[in-house]
């Protein structure tokens, strides 16, 4: 008889945080932000957290549970799109004047989610594979997390920005957005790596790994 898979409380908490960050970033990413002439999206502060959580899950629980986390997050996004489509299609009273704005935001969010799903799936899978391969070679954890994120975030950013914004902004603006978003994500990853290492160490201790 096949042994039933066990999911610890800490793993479930990480999974929930990951899903919340992913869904929230998909909704707020439709807003472009400009700081000191650098343009990025409002969701770019949250999305790298998904990669940090993914690195933590791979390091503590292994590739199998990381893949499960990716699939659940993926399905959650599809479910959210389904609810958006239903909400837009529902009939509304004559005095409700926000239907156009409501539809515009959620319809664009649907495009964002489709872009995000494609990018998230490709980026996190490669991120997890690289983390797993480097772990088997006994590479330092800081090297594993940063290198895997450099590759994963590059693929993620190119796919996401291209699908989400092509046709809505000029090509040179699109390329600049890809570069600025990518650099922002890597900067966040590097800055949070020391904290991530301490979190991983603490979780490993709590989980007896």
Protein backbone atom coordinates (compact mmCIF):
# COMPACT_ATOMS: atom_id res chain seq x y z
CA UNK A 1 0.00 0.00 0.00
CA UNK A 2 1.38 3.41 -1.02
CA UNK A 3 2.27 5.61 1.93
CA UNK A 4 0.14 8.74 2.21
CA UNK A 5 1.99 11.97 1.46
CA UNK A 6 2.41 14.18 4.53
CA UNK A 7 2.35 17.98 4.45
CA UNK A 8 3.56 19.79 7.55
CA UNK A 9 1.96 22.94 8.96
CA UNK A 10 4.98 25.03 7.97
CA UNK A 11 4.82 23.75 4.40
CA UNK A 12 1.10 24.61 4.18
CA UNK A 13 1.79 28.13 5.53
CA UNK A 14 4.50 28.64 2.89
CA UNK A 15 2.13 27.35 0.22
CA UNK A 16 -0.64 29.75 1.29
CA UNK A 17 1.72 32.75 1.38
CA UNK A 18 2.99 31.81 -2.06
CA UNK A 19 -0.53 31.64 -3.49
CA UNK A 20 -1.55 34.96 -1.90
CA UNK A 21 1.57 36.72 -3.25
CA UNK A 22 1.03 35.24 -6.72
CA UNK A 23 -2.67 36.13 -6.97
CA UNK A 24 -2.22 39.61 -5.49
CA UNK A 25 0.72 40.42 -7.76
CA UNK A 26 -1.36 39.35 -10.78
CA UNK A 27 -4.10 41.84 -9.86
CA UNK A 28 -1.86 44.85 -9.10
CA UNK A 29 0.61 44.26 -11.95
CA UNK A 30 -1.66 46.13 -14.40
CA UNK A 31 -0.41 49.32 -12.74
CA UNK A 32 2.94 50.60 -14.00
CA UNK A 33 5.13 52.42 -11.48
CA UNK A 34 7.89 54.96 -12.16
CA UNK A 35 10.55 55.70 -9.54
CA UNK A 36 13.52 57.90 -10.44
CA UNK A 37 12.79 57.31 -14.12
CA UNK A 38 12.81 53.52 -13.73
CA UNK A 39 9.57 51.85 -14.81
CA UNK A 40 8.32 48.59 -13.35
CA UNK A 41 4.99 47.08 -12.30
CA UNK A 42 3.31 47.28 -8.89
CA UNK A 43 3.44 43.51 -8.59
CA UNK A 44 7.20 43.29 -8.96
CA UNK A 45 7.71 43.79 -5.23
CA UNK A 46 5.60 40.74 -4.43
CA UNK A 47 6.45 38.30 -7.20
CA UNK A 48 10.09 37.67 -6.13
CA UNK A 49 8.69 36.43 -2.80
CA UNK A 50 7.26 33.46 -4.73
CA UNK A 51 10.77 32.59 -5.88
CA UNK A 52 12.16 32.92 -2.37
CA UNK A 53 9.40 30.64 -1.07
CA UNK A 54 10.02 28.21 -3.91
CA UNK A 55 13.74 28.14 -3.03
CA UNK A 56 12.83 27.45 0.59
CA UNK A 57 10.48 24.60 -0.31
CA UNK A 58 13.05 23.01 -2.66
CA UNK A 59 15.81 23.29 -0.06
CA UNK A 60 13.78 21.99 2.89
CA UNK A 61 11.19 19.66 1.35
CA UNK A 62 12.64 18.69 -2.05
CA UNK A 63 11.66 19.04 -5.70
CA UNK A 64 8.49 16.91 -5.45
CA UNK A 65 6.80 19.21 -2.93
CA UNK A 66 8.06 22.28 -4.80
CA UNK A 67 6.40 20.97 -7.97
CA UNK A 68 3.18 20.39 -5.99
CA UNK A 69 3.33 24.01 -4.77
CA UNK A 70 3.76 25.26 -8.35
CA UNK A 71 0.81 23.19 -9.60
CA UNK A 72 -1.50 24.34 -6.78
CA UNK A 73 -0.53 28.00 -7.36
CA UNK A 74 -1.11 27.47 -11.08
CA UNK A 75 -4.59 26.02 -10.53
CA UNK A 76 -5.46 28.81 -8.05
CA UNK A 77 -4.74 31.40 -10.74
CA UNK A 78 -6.94 29.56 -13.25
CA UNK A 79 -9.74 29.46 -10.65
CA UNK A 80 -9.35 33.21 -10.08
CA UNK A 81 -9.66 33.88 -13.83
CA UNK A 82 -12.83 31.76 -13.92
CA UNK A 83 -14.37 33.83 -11.12
CA UNK A 84 -13.41 37.05 -12.93
CA UNK A 85 -15.10 35.91 -16.15
CA UNK A 86 -18.28 34.97 -14.25
CA UNK A 87 -18.29 38.27 -12.31
CA UNK A 88 -17.93 40.33 -15.51
CA UNK A 89 -20.73 38.39 -17.23
CA UNK A 90 -23.23 38.72 -14.37
CA UNK A 91 -26.14 41.12 -15.08
CA UNK A 92 -26.05 44.49 -13.33
CA UNK A 93 -28.69 47.16 -12.53
CA UNK A 94 -29.00 50.38 -14.60
CA UNK A 95 -27.77 52.55 -11.73
CA UNK A 96 -24.48 50.64 -11.53
CA UNK A 97 -22.03 52.88 -13.43
CA UNK A 98 -18.79 51.07 -12.72
CA UNK A 99 -19.30 48.05 -15.01
CA UNK A 100 -16.97 49.34 -17.73
CA UNK A 101 -14.15 50.10 -15.30
CA UNK A 102 -14.75 46.84 -13.46
CA UNK A 103 -14.67 44.88 -16.72
CA UNK A 104 -11.62 46.72 -18.01
CA UNK A 105 -9.53 46.06 -14.90
CA UNK A 106 -10.52 42.41 -14.52
CA UNK A 107 -10.28 41.70 -18.25
CA UNK A 108 -6.77 43.13 -18.29
CA UNK A 109 -6.01 41.17 -15.13
CA UNK A 110 -7.07 38.04 -17.02
CA UNK A 111 -4.40 38.81 -19.64
CA UNK A 112 -1.93 39.43 -16.83
CA UNK A 113 -2.80 36.10 -15.22
CA UNK A 114 -2.36 34.24 -18.50
CA UNK A 115 1.05 35.90 -18.88
CA UNK A 116 1.83 35.16 -15.26
CA UNK A 117 0.82 31.51 -15.52
CA UNK A 118 3.06 30.97 -18.53
CA UNK A 119 5.96 32.85 -16.96
CA UNK A 120 5.52 31.39 -13.48
CA UNK A 121 5.37 27.82 -14.73
CA UNK A 122 8.48 28.17 -16.92
CA UNK A 123 10.47 30.26 -14.45
CA UNK A 124 9.77 28.32 -11.27
CA UNK A 125 10.25 24.92 -12.92
CA UNK A 126 13.71 25.94 -14.14
CA UNK A 127 14.40 27.58 -10.77
CA UNK A 128 13.50 24.36 -8.94
CA UNK A 129 15.47 22.14 -11.31
CA UNK A 130 18.62 24.27 -10.97
CA UNK A 131 18.23 24.40 -7.18
CA UNK A 132 17.86 20.61 -7.05
CA UNK A 133 20.80 19.93 -9.40
CA UNK A 134 23.12 22.29 -7.55
CA UNK A 135 22.05 20.81 -4.21
CA UNK A 136 23.01 17.33 -5.45
CA UNK A 137 26.45 18.77 -6.32
CA UNK A 138 26.79 20.13 -2.75
CA UNK A 139 27.01 23.75 -3.92
CA UNK A 140 26.66 26.47 -1.29
CA UNK A 141 23.04 27.36 -0.58
CA UNK A 142 23.58 31.09 -1.23
CA UNK A 143 25.05 30.24 -4.64
CA UNK A 144 22.14 27.90 -5.38
CA UNK A 145 19.43 30.40 -4.51
CA UNK A 146 20.97 33.32 -6.39
CA UNK A 147 21.98 31.41 -9.54
CA UNK A 148 18.65 29.57 -9.80
CA UNK A 149 16.79 32.87 -9.42
CA UNK A 150 18.98 34.63 -12.00
CA UNK A 151 17.97 32.02 -14.59
CA UNK A 152 14.38 31.57 -13.43
CA UNK A 153 13.66 35.30 -13.12
CA UNK A 154 15.18 35.97 -16.57
CA UNK A 155 12.85 33.46 -18.23
CA UNK A 156 9.91 34.58 -16.11
CA UNK A 157 10.39 38.29 -16.84
CA UNK A 158 10.85 37.90 -20.60
CA UNK A 159 7.78 35.68 -20.99
CA UNK A 160 5.60 37.69 -18.61
CA UNK A 161 6.33 41.21 -19.85
CA UNK A 162 6.09 40.15 -23.49
CA UNK A 163 2.67 38.49 -23.15
CA UNK A 164 1.27 41.09 -20.70
CA UNK A 165 2.29 44.31 -22.43
CA UNK A 166 3.08 43.65 -26.11
CA UNK A 167 0.80 45.80 -28.26
CA UNK A 168 0.07 48.21 -25.41
CA UNK A 169 3.49 49.94 -25.29
CA UNK A 170 6.31 50.61 -27.76
CA UNK A 171 8.94 47.91 -28.37
CA UNK A 172 11.77 50.00 -26.90
CA UNK A 173 9.62 50.64 -23.81
CA UNK A 174 8.87 46.91 -23.63
CA UNK A 175 12.59 46.04 -23.70
CA UNK A 176 13.38 48.70 -21.09
CA UNK A 177 10.57 47.36 -18.90
CA UNK A 178 11.93 43.81 -19.18
CA UNK A 179 15.41 44.99 -18.18
CA UNK A 180 14.29 47.20 -15.28
CA UNK A 181 11.87 44.58 -13.89
CA UNK A 182 14.51 41.85 -14.15
CA UNK A 183 17.15 43.94 -12.37
CA UNK A 184 14.65 44.87 -9.64
CA UNK A 185 13.77 41.21 -9.05
CA UNK A 186 17.42 40.16 -8.87
CA UNK A 187 18.20 43.03 -6.51
CA UNK A 188 15.35 41.93 -4.21
CA UNK A 189 16.59 38.33 -4.40
CA UNK A 190 20.17 39.30 -3.46
CA UNK A 191 19.05 41.62 -0.66
CA UNK A 192 16.77 38.99 0.86
CA UNK A 193 19.16 36.05 0.47
CA UNK A 194 20.78 36.47 3.95
CA UNK A 195 17.30 36.56 5.52
CA UNK A 196 16.23 33.60 3.38
CA UNK A 197 19.20 31.53 4.58
CA UNK A 198 18.25 32.15 8.21
CA UNK A 199 14.61 31.24 7.49
CA UNK A 200 15.66 28.01 5.77
CA UNK A 201 17.97 27.18 8.67
CA UNK A 202 15.17 27.78 11.18
CA UNK A 203 12.61 25.75 9.21
CA UNK A 204 15.05 22.85 8.78
CA UNK A 205 15.55 22.84 12.55
CA UNK A 206 11.81 22.89 13.22
CA UNK A 207 11.18 20.15 10.63
CA UNK A 208 14.10 18.04 11.85
CA UNK A 209 15.72 18.01 8.42
